[in-house]
Each structure stands twice: as structure tokens, then as C-alpha cells.
Protein backbone atom coordinates (compact mmCIF):
# COMPACT_ATOMS: atom_id res chain seq x y z
CA MET A 1 48.14 128.53 102.78
CA ALA A 2 51.42 130.34 101.95
CA PHE A 3 50.77 132.62 104.87
CA MET A 4 50.54 129.59 107.27
CA ASN A 5 53.94 128.33 105.99
CA VAL A 6 55.59 131.72 106.59
CA GLN A 7 54.12 131.80 110.10
CA LYS A 8 55.37 128.32 110.86
CA LEU A 9 58.77 129.21 109.43
CA ALA A 10 58.90 132.36 111.67
CA GLN A 11 58.00 130.19 114.75
CA LYS A 12 60.70 127.70 113.99
CA TYR A 13 63.22 130.53 113.47
CA GLU A 14 62.29 132.07 116.81
CA SER A 15 62.56 128.61 118.51
CA ALA A 16 65.93 127.95 117.06
CA ARG A 17 67.08 131.46 117.97
CA ASN A 18 65.99 130.99 121.62
CA LYS A 19 67.68 127.57 121.84
CA LEU A 20 70.95 129.06 120.55
CA LYS A 21 70.70 132.04 122.98
CA SER A 22 70.03 129.68 125.90
CA ALA A 23 73.08 127.52 124.94
CA ALA A 24 75.22 130.60 124.71
CA GLU A 25 74.13 131.76 128.09
CA LYS A 26 74.96 128.33 129.63
CA GLY A 27 78.31 128.40 127.96
CA ASP A 28 78.99 131.82 129.29
CA ARG A 29 78.07 130.72 132.83
CA ALA A 30 80.47 127.68 132.54
CA ILE A 31 83.22 129.84 131.23
CA HIS A 32 82.65 132.39 134.09
CA LEU A 33 82.70 129.57 136.66
CA GLY A 34 85.89 128.21 135.23
CA LEU A 35 87.53 131.65 135.14
CA THR A 36 86.63 132.44 138.75
CA THR A 37 87.85 129.01 139.92
CA VAL A 38 91.18 129.47 138.11
CA ALA A 39 91.50 133.02 139.51
CA THR A 40 90.85 131.78 143.11
CA GLY A 41 93.16 128.83 142.87
CA GLY A 42 95.88 130.81 140.98
CA MET A 43 95.99 133.60 143.50
CA ALA A 44 96.21 131.09 146.34
CA TYR A 45 99.05 129.27 144.58
CA ALA A 46 100.91 132.49 143.67
CA LEU A 47 100.73 133.88 147.20
CA GLY A 48 101.63 130.48 148.67
CA TYR A 49 104.79 130.43 146.44
CA ALA A 50 105.64 134.01 147.42
CA ASN A 51 105.23 133.19 151.13
CA GLU A 52 107.66 130.29 150.96
CA ARG A 53 110.07 131.78 148.35
CA TYR A 54 110.41 135.30 149.60
CA GLY A 55 109.05 135.32 153.14
CA GLU A 56 110.67 134.73 156.48
CA ASN A 57 109.32 131.62 158.19
CA GLY A 58 106.81 131.10 155.41
CA GLU A 59 105.30 134.65 155.58
CA PHE A 60 106.02 137.27 153.02
CA LYS A 61 105.48 140.77 154.36
CA LEU A 62 105.19 144.11 152.51
CA ALA A 63 107.66 146.69 153.95
CA GLY A 64 108.54 143.97 156.42
CA LYS A 65 105.38 144.59 158.47
CA VAL A 66 102.07 143.75 156.60
CA PRO A 67 101.27 140.24 155.41
CA ALA A 68 101.11 140.29 151.56
CA ASP A 69 98.32 137.72 151.27
CA PHE A 70 96.04 139.58 153.66
CA THR A 71 96.79 142.89 151.88
CA ALA A 72 96.10 141.35 148.51
CA ALA A 73 92.75 140.03 149.74
CA ALA A 74 91.63 143.43 151.03
CA ALA A 75 92.87 145.23 147.87
CA PHE A 76 91.19 142.84 145.38
CA HIS A 77 87.87 142.95 147.23
CA LEU A 78 88.02 146.73 147.28
CA VAL A 79 88.97 146.94 143.57
CA ALA A 80 86.26 144.48 142.71
CA LEU A 81 83.60 146.85 143.95
CA GLY A 82 84.28 149.04 140.93
CA MET A 83 84.70 146.35 138.31
CA GLY A 84 81.13 146.16 137.18
CA LYS A 85 80.20 142.89 135.44
CA TYR A 86 83.64 141.55 136.13
CA ALA A 87 83.44 142.05 139.91
CA ASP A 88 83.12 138.30 140.41
CA VAL A 89 86.62 137.76 139.02
CA GLY A 90 88.00 140.45 141.33
CA HIS A 91 86.26 138.90 144.32
CA ALA A 92 87.59 135.44 143.25
CA LEU A 93 91.13 136.89 143.35
CA GLY A 94 90.40 138.32 146.75
CA ASN A 95 88.99 134.96 147.91
CA GLY A 96 92.20 133.18 146.72
CA ALA A 97 94.31 135.63 148.73
CA ILE A 98 92.31 135.25 151.90
CA ALA A 99 92.31 131.47 151.40
CA GLU A 100 96.13 131.44 151.34
CA TYR A 101 96.19 133.79 154.43
CA LEU A 102 93.83 131.60 156.38
CA SER A 103 95.50 128.43 155.28
CA ARG A 104 98.86 129.80 156.39
CA GLN A 105 97.40 130.82 159.77
CA GLY A 106 95.93 127.34 160.23
CA ARG A 107 99.29 125.67 159.39
CA VAL A 108 101.09 128.00 161.90
CA ARG A 109 98.53 127.31 164.60
CA GLY A 110 98.44 123.60 163.90
CA ALA A 111 102.23 123.25 164.04
CA ALA A 112 102.33 125.29 167.33
CA SER A 113 99.55 123.11 168.89
CA LYS A 114 101.33 119.95 167.71
CA ALA A 115 104.64 121.11 169.17
CA ALA A 116 102.96 122.13 172.47
CA HIS A 117 101.30 118.73 172.86
CA ALA A 118 103.97 116.54 171.46
CA THR A 119 105.51 115.86 174.97
CA THR A 120 102.28 114.68 176.57
CA GLY A 121 102.30 111.33 174.81
CA ALA A 122 98.56 111.08 175.08
CA VAL A 123 96.55 109.62 172.35
CA GLY A 124 94.99 112.29 170.25
CA ALA A 125 96.74 115.12 172.18
CA GLN A 126 97.47 117.08 168.99
CA PHE A 127 93.88 116.76 167.79
CA TYR A 128 91.92 117.45 170.95
CA GLY A 129 94.21 120.15 172.40
CA PRO A 130 93.18 121.19 175.87
CA TRP A 131 90.05 118.96 175.64
CA ASN A 132 91.90 115.71 175.27
CA PRO A 133 89.80 112.88 176.69
CA ALA A 134 92.92 111.08 177.95
CA ALA A 135 94.02 114.16 179.94
CA MET A 136 90.55 114.38 181.51
CA GLY A 137 90.53 110.86 182.75
CA HIS A 138 88.36 109.51 179.88
CA ALA A 139 90.96 107.42 178.00
CA PRO A 140 89.55 105.05 175.34
CA SER A 141 89.32 101.45 176.12
CA LEU A 142 87.89 98.34 174.51
CA GLY A 143 84.78 98.53 176.67
CA HIS A 144 83.43 101.93 175.55
CA ALA A 145 83.78 104.69 173.13
CA PRO A 146 86.09 107.61 174.13
CA SER A 147 84.65 109.69 176.97
CA MET A 148 81.20 108.11 176.66
CA GLY A 149 79.62 105.37 178.79
CA TRP A 150 78.67 103.06 176.01
CA SER A 151 79.35 99.38 175.96
CA ALA A 152 81.02 97.65 173.11
CA SER A 153 77.59 96.63 171.73
CA GLY A 154 76.62 100.32 171.56
CA VAL A 155 74.04 99.96 174.42
CA GLY A 156 74.46 102.08 177.48
CA SER A 157 74.19 105.43 179.00
CA HIS A 158 74.44 108.60 176.96
CA VAL A 159 76.18 110.33 179.92
CA PRO A 160 79.99 110.36 179.68
CA ALA A 161 81.81 107.89 181.89
CA GLY A 162 82.93 110.52 184.34
CA GLY A 163 79.54 112.35 184.31
CA TRP A 164 78.88 115.91 183.25
CA GLY A 165 81.63 117.36 185.48
CA PRO A 166 83.84 120.51 185.02
CA GLY A 167 85.55 119.04 182.01
CA TYR A 168 82.46 119.23 179.84
């Protein structure tokens, strides 16, 4: 009988130990996720600040030639290859740097597109770019959806109002 109690006690001990180990692993994963999120966001913030504070026209360049954010992205991803179990943090820093680089590129291209289409006066010109429905003769009206042959009730042809011509 005493043997059974020792056996039950050993099982309960193992069960409790496994539960604690599982909780610790879940906690480690949560901490790791938080750390990589902070690393990515922090890197994007730091490089965004550097671009605006120290750069010309919102772009900070190393030696006046190489974009600092793109260089940081490449460097952190390369360094992360040798970081072992902490490689995810290095890649998170690299991801933050490339996020800032691509965000800056998007802002530059978006501003240029907006400026290029600002004089057209067409509805949606800055969104559609060269595929602007108004510029292609498919201006929105109350009778149908933009560039589609639908009636106001939603019933109608699936073919665009001008057909499948060269603009499509």
C-alpha cells in the first residue's frame, strides 16, 4: 500500500513538473515574440528618425552614397546568420531596417505620382495612375460602377462599358 502512494506521488510530481515546463516554454515564446516585435519596430523607428533628422530630402546615406536603412538591413540579416538561437532577433532588426527602406521608397514614389497627376483634375488620378478610368473614358456616373457596365441595381453585363479594348 505504501508503494502505491509513492508511485502516485511520483506521477503527480512528474505531471506538475511537465505543466511547469510547458508554462515556461509558452512564456519564453511570448517573450521572444515581444522581443522580435520591439526589435523590428524599434529599428524602423530609429532609421526613420535618422532619415529625417540627418538625411537630405528624407534619406540618410552612408558616405553620401549608400542608403543607411538598406545597408543596415543587409548587415543585420548577414550577422543574424551567425547568431545561433538569437538569429531571430538579428533578422527582426534586419526586417525593421528593410521595412523603413521600403516605406521610404513608397512615400517617395507616392509623392511623385501624386505630383505628376495633380494637374489632371480627374477623380482618382492619384490612385489609379496611368490606369485612371476617367482618363480612359470610363468616368463613374450614377448609372453604373466605375468602368463596368452594371446598372444601379447591380444587374447588368460583366463587360466594361467600353468593352475589352486596348485600355484593359
